[in-house]
Amino acid sequence: MLEPSFVKSALRLYLVTDRDLSRGRSLEEVIAKAVNGGTTMVQLREKRASSREFYESALRIKQILKGTGVPLIINDRADIAFAVDADGVHLGQRDLPPEKARKILGKDKIIGLSIETLKEAEIANALDVDYIAVSPVFGTPTKTDTAPALGLDGLRKIAGITRHPLTGIGGIHSSNAREIIKAGADGIAVVSEIMSAEEPELAAKMLLTEMGKQ
């Protein structure tokens, strides 16, 4: 089984990709720069790609991350994660049940689960997942199909009852990253803050700096 300490460390600065926000740059370019800046985990999210395109993109990103120690997580698709031998999969509430993903991927892979309510966090305590992503903490235009923003108070309540490592996502920037950690999260997950940054490497460094302030 995976050590919780490894997962907590990997969650510190979690990049979720969105090629529509990359300002015309390739995902490979943005990810490589983000990792140079200290990004600790990467989730490949391909909402409009065909299965073949998703698979081929995952192979390219896996090569970028090879030797860095940064885990590659596949959004939604346990079959793609299995096919490319990624480090894990991230699931939403309407995706494949975590226990089925575990059967496909095995005990040594990372399984993450999106959480939008305190009730979902309570249910997740009985599930075989390695981390939860609390979403959205703040309002965000990146995803429009989420529940109302939980705010720092909602995040704090979930952090207080979950047994899993936790990352916050949704509307997180360098100006509020430290508050996410103070509210009980092990790390932050960002999309546009790095994907759309003029300098992704610098954006990652700034986020880590802000989180490290006391």
C-alpha atoms as a PDB file:
ATOM      1  CA  MET A   1       0.000   0.000   0.000  1.00  0.00           C
ATOM      2  CA  LEU A   2       1.047   3.585  -0.563  1.00  0.00           C
ATOM      3  CA  GLU A   3       2.406   5.537   2.375  1.00  0.00           C
ATOM      4  CA  PRO A   4       0.130   8.476   3.279  1.00  0.00           C
ATOM      5  CA  SER A   5       3.253  10.598   3.775  1.00  0.00           C
ATOM      6  CA  PHE A   6       4.195  10.071   0.113  1.00  0.00           C
ATOM      7  CA  VAL A   7       0.749  11.123  -1.062  1.00  0.00           C
ATOM      8  CA  LYS A   8       0.721  14.179   1.216  1.00  0.00           C
ATOM      9  CA  SER A   9       4.066  15.262  -0.179  1.00  0.00           C
ATOM     10  CA  ALA A  10       2.897  14.746  -3.753  1.00  0.00           C
ATOM     11  CA  LEU A  11      -0.215  16.845  -3.128  1.00  0.00           C
ATOM     12  CA  ARG A  12       1.792  19.928  -2.147  1.00  0.00           C
ATOM     13  CA  LEU A  13       1.467  21.595  -5.573  1.00  0.00           C
ATOM     14  CA  TYR A  14      -0.837  19.664  -7.869  1.00  0.00           C
ATOM     15  CA  LEU A  15      -1.174  20.829 -11.477  1.00  0.00           C
ATOM     16  CA  VAL A  16      -4.385  19.884 -13.305  1.00  0.00           C
ATOM     17  CA  THR A  17      -3.975  20.427 -17.036  1.00  0.00           C
ATOM     18  CA  ASP A  18      -6.270  22.223 -19.441  1.00  0.00           C
ATOM     19  CA  ARG A  19      -4.854  22.678 -22.941  1.00  0.00           C
ATOM     20  CA  ASP A  20      -7.446  25.394 -23.694  1.00  0.00           C
ATOM     21  CA  LEU A  21      -5.739  27.591 -21.096  1.00  0.00           C
ATOM     22  CA  SER A  22      -2.155  27.019 -22.243  1.00  0.00           C
ATOM     23  CA  ARG A  23      -1.971  30.141 -24.424  1.00  0.00           C
ATOM     24  CA  GLY A  24      -1.128  28.151 -27.521  1.00  0.00           C
ATOM     25  CA  ARG A  25       1.739  26.272 -25.896  1.00  0.00           C
ATOM     26  CA  SER A  26       1.941  22.499 -25.800  1.00  0.00           C
ATOM     27  CA  LEU A  27       1.053  20.691 -22.592  1.00  0.00           C
ATOM     28  CA  GLU A  28       4.535  19.236 -22.611  1.00  0.00           C
ATOM     29  CA  GLU A  29       6.104  22.695 -22.537  1.00  0.00           C
ATOM     30  CA  VAL A  30       3.919  24.000 -19.717  1.00  0.00           C
ATOM     31  CA  ILE A  31       4.274  20.839 -17.636  1.00  0.00           C
ATOM     32  CA  ALA A  32       8.056  20.734 -18.012  1.00  0.00           C
ATOM     33  CA  LYS A  33       8.343  24.333 -16.847  1.00  0.00           C
ATOM     34  CA  ALA A  34       5.897  23.791 -13.989  1.00  0.00           C
ATOM     35  CA  VAL A  35       7.880  20.799 -12.750  1.00  0.00           C
ATOM     36  CA  ASN A  36      11.084  22.831 -12.944  1.00  0.00           C
ATOM     37  CA  GLY A  37       9.325  25.325 -10.702  1.00  0.00           C
ATOM     38  CA  GLY A  38       8.487  22.705  -8.087  1.00  0.00           C
ATOM     39  CA  THR A  39       5.154  21.197  -9.104  1.00  0.00           C
ATOM     40  CA  THR A  40       4.812  17.931  -7.182  1.00  0.00           C
ATOM     41  CA  MET A  41       2.030  16.089  -9.051  1.00  0.00           C
ATOM     42  CA  VAL A  42       0.403  16.382 -12.491  1.00  0.00           C
ATOM     43  CA  GLN A  43      -3.106  15.357 -13.488  1.00  0.00           C
ATOM     44  CA  LEU A  44      -3.705  14.986 -17.206  1.00  0.00           C
ATOM     45  CA  ARG A  45      -7.245  16.079 -17.996  1.00  0.00           C
ATOM     46  CA  GLU A  46      -8.464  15.612 -21.583  1.00  0.00           C
ATOM     47  CA  LYS A  47     -12.198  16.264 -21.785  1.00  0.00           C
ATOM     48  CA  ARG A  48     -12.541  16.383 -25.573  1.00  0.00           C
ATOM     49  CA  ALA A  49      -9.807  14.038 -26.768  1.00  0.00           C
ATOM     50  CA  SER A  50     -10.520  10.643 -28.267  1.00  0.00           C
ATOM     51  CA  SER A  51      -9.296   7.617 -26.343  1.00  0.00           C
ATOM     52  CA  ARG A  52      -6.339   7.282 -28.711  1.00  0.00           C
ATOM     53  CA  GLU A  53      -5.450  10.953 -28.379  1.00  0.00           C
ATOM     54  CA  PHE A  54      -5.730  10.757 -24.586  1.00  0.00           C
ATOM     55  CA  TYR A  55      -3.523   7.663 -24.544  1.00  0.00           C
ATOM     56  CA  GLU A  56      -0.856   9.219 -26.762  1.00  0.00           C
ATOM     57  CA  SER A  57      -0.892  12.456 -24.772  1.00  0.00           C
ATOM     58  CA  ALA A  58      -0.457  10.489 -21.545  1.00  0.00           C
ATOM     59  CA  LEU A  59       2.549   8.670 -22.986  1.00  0.00           C
ATOM     60  CA  ARG A  60       4.182  11.977 -23.909  1.00  0.00           C
ATOM     61  CA  ILE A  61       3.555  13.480 -20.469  1.00  0.00           C
ATOM     62  CA  LYS A  62       4.841  10.326 -18.790  1.00  0.00           C
ATOM     63  CA  GLN A  63       8.086  10.740 -20.701  1.00  0.00           C
ATOM     64  CA  ILE A  64       8.334  14.381 -19.582  1.00  0.00           C
ATOM     65  CA  LEU A  65       7.945  13.304 -15.941  1.00  0.00           C
ATOM     66  CA  LYS A  66      10.287  10.325 -16.143  1.00  0.00           C
ATOM     67  CA  GLY A  67      13.003  10.595 -13.531  1.00  0.00           C
ATOM     68  CA  THR A  68      11.486  13.634 -11.793  1.00  0.00           C
ATOM     69  CA  GLY A  69       9.637  11.748  -9.059  1.00  0.00           C
ATOM     70  CA  VAL A  70       6.466  13.670  -9.964  1.00  0.00           C
ATOM     71  CA  PRO A  71       3.466  11.303 -10.216  1.00  0.00           C
ATOM     72  CA  LEU A  72       1.271  11.306 -13.324  1.00  0.00           C
ATOM     73  CA  ILE A  73      -2.436  11.059 -12.530  1.00  0.00           C
ATOM     74  CA  ILE A  74      -5.037  10.461 -15.236  1.00  0.00           C
ATOM     75  CA  ASN A  75      -8.372  12.234 -14.949  1.00  0.00           C
ATOM     76  CA  ASP A  76     -11.447   9.967 -14.966  1.00  0.00           C
ATOM     77  CA  ARG A  77     -10.075   7.187 -17.161  1.00  0.00           C
ATOM     78  CA  ALA A  78      -8.786   4.146 -15.269  1.00  0.00           C
ATOM     79  CA  ASP A  79      -8.355   2.346 -18.598  1.00  0.00           C
ATOM     80  CA  ILE A  80      -5.974   5.024 -19.878  1.00  0.00           C
ATOM     81  CA  ALA A  81      -4.104   5.026 -16.550  1.00  0.00           C
ATOM     82  CA  PHE A  82      -3.691   1.249 -16.822  1.00  0.00           C
ATOM     83  CA  ALA A  83      -2.682   1.354 -20.486  1.00  0.00           C
ATOM     84  CA  VAL A  84       0.169   3.816 -19.942  1.00  0.00           C
ATOM     85  CA  ASP A  85       1.088   2.544 -16.449  1.00  0.00           C
ATOM     86  CA  ALA A  86       0.452   5.977 -14.946  1.00  0.00           C
ATOM     87  CA  ASP A  87       0.865   6.537 -11.229  1.00  0.00           C
ATOM     88  CA  GLY A  88      -2.858   6.756 -10.647  1.00  0.00           C
ATOM     89  CA  VAL A  89      -6.296   8.059 -11.545  1.00  0.00           C
ATOM     90  CA  HIS A  90      -8.502  10.864 -10.288  1.00  0.00           C
ATOM     91  CA  LEU A  91     -12.220  10.170 -10.112  1.00  0.00           C
ATOM     92  CA  GLY A  92     -15.301  12.336  -9.817  1.00  0.00           C
ATOM     93  CA  GLN A  93     -18.464  11.401  -7.969  1.00  0.00           C
ATOM     94  CA  ARG A  94     -20.079  10.167 -11.206  1.00  0.00           C
ATOM     95  CA  ASP A  95     -17.058   8.273 -12.518  1.00  0.00           C
ATOM     96  CA  LEU A  96     -16.046   4.649 -12.039  1.00  0.00           C
ATOM     97  CA  PRO A  97     -16.402   3.615  -8.357  1.00  0.00           C
ATOM     98  CA  PRO A  98     -13.042   3.719  -6.544  1.00  0.00           C
ATOM     99  CA  GLU A  99     -13.184   0.001  -5.707  1.00  0.00           C
ATOM    100  CA  LYS A 100     -13.480  -0.847  -9.396  1.00  0.00           C
ATOM    101  CA  ALA A 101     -10.596   1.448 -10.280  1.00  0.00           C
ATOM    102  CA  ARG A 102      -8.533  -0.255  -7.562  1.00  0.00           C
ATOM    103  CA  LYS A 103      -9.195  -3.649  -9.134  1.00  0.00           C
ATOM    104  CA  ILE A 104      -7.986  -2.333 -12.484  1.00  0.00           C
ATOM    105  CA  LEU A 105      -4.926  -0.466 -11.244  1.00  0.00           C
ATOM    106  CA  GLY A 106      -3.815  -2.424  -8.181  1.00  0.00           C
ATOM    107  CA  LYS A 107      -2.878  -1.522  -4.641  1.00  0.00           C
ATOM    108  CA  ASP A 108       0.256   0.454  -5.472  1.00  0.00           C
ATOM    109  CA  LYS A 109      -1.425   3.133  -7.597  1.00  0.00           C
ATOM    110  CA  ILE A 110      -2.840   6.444  -6.419  1.00  0.00           C
ATOM    111  CA  ILE A 111      -6.605   6.907  -6.492  1.00  0.00           C
ATOM    112  CA  GLY A 112      -7.992  10.371  -5.853  1.00  0.00           C
ATOM    113  CA  LEU A 113     -11.623  11.382  -5.431  1.00  0.00           C
ATOM    114  CA  SER A 114     -13.369  14.722  -5.872  1.00  0.00           C
ATOM    115  CA  ILE A 115     -15.416  15.856  -2.872  1.00  0.00           C
ATOM    116  CA  GLU A 116     -17.972  18.666  -2.974  1.00  0.00           C
ATOM    117  CA  THR A 117     -19.801  18.258   0.334  1.00  0.00           C
ATOM    118  CA  LEU A 118     -19.203  17.253   3.934  1.00  0.00           C
ATOM    119  CA  LYS A 119     -21.427  14.210   3.372  1.00  0.00           C
ATOM    120  CA  GLU A 120     -19.290  13.035   0.453  1.00  0.00           C
ATOM    121  CA  ALA A 121     -16.194  13.409   2.654  1.00  0.00           C
ATOM    122  CA  GLU A 122     -17.816  11.264   5.334  1.00  0.00           C
ATOM    123  CA  ILE A 123     -18.675   8.570   2.780  1.00  0.00           C
ATOM    124  CA  ALA A 124     -15.134   8.707   1.393  1.00  0.00           C
ATOM    125  CA  ASN A 125     -13.758   7.727   4.806  1.00  0.00           C
ATOM    126  CA  ALA A 126     -14.953   4.187   4.084  1.00  0.00           C
ATOM    127  CA  LEU A 127     -13.510   4.125   0.562  1.00  0.00           C
ATOM    128  CA  ASP A 128     -10.168   2.807  -0.625  1.00  0.00           C
ATOM    129  CA  VAL A 129      -8.835   6.105  -1.964  1.00  0.00           C
ATOM    130  CA  ASP A 130      -5.477   7.748  -1.357  1.00  0.00           C
ATOM    131  CA  TYR A 131      -6.526  11.393  -1.279  1.00  0.00           C
ATOM    132  CA  ILE A 132      -9.531  13.649  -1.700  1.00  0.00           C
ATOM    133  CA  ALA A 133      -9.754  16.889  -3.665  1.00  0.00           C
ATOM    134  CA  VAL A 134     -12.176  19.355  -2.117  1.00  0.00           C
ATOM    135  CA  SER A 135     -13.865  21.343  -4.870  1.00  0.00           C
ATOM    136  CA  PRO A 136     -14.513  24.155  -5.355  1.00  0.00           C
ATOM    137  CA  VAL A 137     -13.001  26.063  -2.455  1.00  0.00           C
ATOM    138  CA  PHE A 138     -13.612  29.352  -4.238  1.00  0.00           C
ATOM    139  CA  GLY A 139     -15.615  30.178  -7.341  1.00  0.00           C
ATOM    140  CA  THR A 140     -13.789  29.428 -10.587  1.00  0.00           C
ATOM    141  CA  PRO A 141     -14.554  29.727 -14.314  1.00  0.00           C
ATOM    142  CA  THR A 142     -12.372  26.702 -15.058  1.00  0.00           C
ATOM    143  CA  LYS A 143     -15.154  24.250 -14.204  1.00  0.00           C
ATOM    144  CA  THR A 144     -18.822  25.186 -14.409  1.00  0.00           C
ATOM    145  CA  ASP A 145     -20.370  21.853 -13.386  1.00  0.00           C
ATOM    146  CA  THR A 146     -19.393  21.984  -9.727  1.00  0.00           C
ATOM    147  CA  ALA A 147     -21.323  22.610  -6.528  1.00  0.00           C
ATOM    148  CA  PRO A 148     -21.380  26.041  -4.857  1.00  0.00           C
ATOM    149  CA  ALA A 149     -18.055  27.193  -3.447  1.00  0.00           C
ATOM    150  CA  LEU A 150     -17.316  25.747  -0.009  1.00  0.00           C
ATOM    151  CA  GLY A 151     -15.101  28.578   1.167  1.00  0.00           C
ATOM    152  CA  LEU A 152     -12.393  28.236   3.772  1.00  0.00           C
ATOM    153  CA  ASP A 153     -14.913  27.284   6.450  1.00  0.00           C
ATOM    154  CA  GLY A 154     -16.237  24.389   4.366  1.00  0.00           C
ATOM    155  CA  LEU A 155     -12.705  23.247   3.634  1.00  0.00           C
ATOM    156  CA  ARG A 156     -11.841  23.437   7.330  1.00  0.00           C
ATOM    157  CA  LYS A 157     -14.839  21.285   8.268  1.00  0.00           C
ATOM    158  CA  ILE A 158     -13.939  18.605   5.731  1.00  0.00           C
ATOM    159  CA  ALA A 159     -10.289  18.635   6.828  1.00  0.00           C
ATOM    160  CA  GLY A 160     -11.527  18.068  10.363  1.00  0.00           C
ATOM    161  CA  ILE A 161     -13.390  14.860   9.596  1.00  0.00           C
ATOM    162  CA  THR A 162     -11.526  13.200   6.726  1.00  0.00           C
ATOM    163  CA  ARG A 163      -9.029  10.387   7.243  1.00  0.00           C
ATOM    164  CA  HIS A 164      -7.451  11.018   3.835  1.00  0.00           C
ATOM    165  CA  PRO A 165      -4.787  13.469   2.679  1.00  0.00           C
ATOM    166  CA  LEU A 166      -6.541  16.457   1.190  1.00  0.00           C
ATOM    167  CA  THR A 167      -5.988  19.045  -1.525  1.00  0.00           C
ATOM    168  CA  GLY A 168      -8.119  22.073  -2.237  1.00  0.00           C
ATOM    169  CA  ILE A 169      -9.020  23.152  -5.769  1.00  0.00           C
ATOM    170  CA  GLY A 170     -11.036  25.951  -7.294  1.00  0.00           C
ATOM    171  CA  GLY A 171     -10.159  29.629  -7.535  1.00  0.00           C
ATOM    172  CA  ILE A 172      -6.770  29.209  -5.869  1.00  0.00           C
ATOM    173  CA  HIS A 173      -4.052  31.780  -6.550  1.00  0.00           C
ATOM    174  CA  SER A 174      -0.813  32.889  -4.958  1.00  0.00           C
ATOM    175  CA  SER A 175      -2.811  35.423  -2.933  1.00  0.00           C
ATOM    176  CA  ASN A 176      -4.915  32.780  -1.148  1.00  0.00           C
ATOM    177  CA  ALA A 177      -2.756  29.634  -1.333  1.00  0.00           C
ATOM    178  CA  ARG A 178      -1.480  30.035   2.221  1.00  0.00           C
ATOM    179  CA  GLU A 179      -5.050  30.229   3.551  1.00  0.00           C
ATOM    180  CA  ILE A 180      -5.812  26.829   2.001  1.00  0.00           C
ATOM    181  CA  ILE A 181      -2.957  25.254   3.936  1.00  0.00           C
ATOM    182  CA  LYS A 182      -3.921  27.048   7.155  1.00  0.00           C
ATOM    183  CA  ALA A 183      -7.459  25.659   6.750  1.00  0.00           C
ATOM    184  CA  GLY A 184      -6.096  22.103   6.925  1.00  0.00           C
ATOM    185  CA  ALA A 185      -5.218  21.077   3.369  1.00  0.00           C
ATOM    186  CA  ASP A 186      -2.027  19.190   2.624  1.00  0.00           C
ATOM    187  CA  GLY A 187      -1.628  21.053  -0.641  1.00  0.00           C
ATOM    188  CA  ILE A 188      -3.308  22.980  -3.419  1.00  0.00           C
ATOM    189  CA  ALA A 189      -4.438  21.989  -6.899  1.00  0.00           C
ATOM    190  CA  VAL A 190      -4.426  24.648  -9.608  1.00  0.00           C
ATOM    191  CA  VAL A 191      -5.325  24.889 -13.271  1.00  0.00           C
ATOM    192  CA  SER A 192      -5.201  28.382 -14.784  1.00  0.00           C
ATOM    193  CA  GLU A 193      -2.747  29.776 -12.232  1.00  0.00           C
ATOM    194  CA  ILE A 194      -0.032  27.711 -13.905  1.00  0.00           C
ATOM    195  CA  MET A 195      -1.523  26.728 -17.275  1.00  0.00           C
ATOM    196  CA  SER A 196      -2.183  30.355 -18.242  1.00  0.00           C
ATOM    197  CA  ALA A 197       0.841  31.882 -16.553  1.00  0.00           C
ATOM    198  CA  GLU A 198       3.265  33.739 -18.774  1.00  0.00           C
ATOM    199  CA  GLU A 199       6.037  31.927 -16.923  1.00  0.00           C
ATOM    200  CA  PRO A 200       4.734  28.592 -15.521  1.00  0.00           C
ATOM    201  CA  GLU A 201       7.987  27.882 -13.719  1.00  0.00           C
ATOM    202  CA  LEU A 202       7.854  31.193 -11.872  1.00  0.00           C
ATOM    203  CA  ALA A 203       4.141  30.723 -11.121  1.00  0.00           C
ATOM    204  CA  ALA A 204       4.852  27.376  -9.471  1.00  0.00           C
ATOM    205  CA  LYS A 205       7.682  28.855  -7.417  1.00  0.00           C
ATOM    206  CA  MET A 206       5.489  31.718  -6.253  1.00  0.00           C
ATOM    207  CA  LEU A 207       2.731  29.359  -5.139  1.00  0.00           C
ATOM    208  CA  LEU A 208       5.175  27.266  -3.135  1.00  0.00           C
ATOM    209  CA  THR A 209       6.683  30.370  -1.580  1.00  0.00           C
ATOM    210  CA  GLU A 210       3.281  31.655  -0.501  1.00  0.00           C
ATOM    211  CA  MET A 211       2.295  28.303   0.984  1.00  0.00           C
ATOM    212  CA  GLY A 212       5.516  28.169   2.951  1.00  0.00           C
ATOM    213  CA  LYS A 213       4.967  31.483   4.696  1.00  0.00           C
ATOM    214  CA  GLN A 214       3.930  31.337   8.344  1.00  0.00           C
END
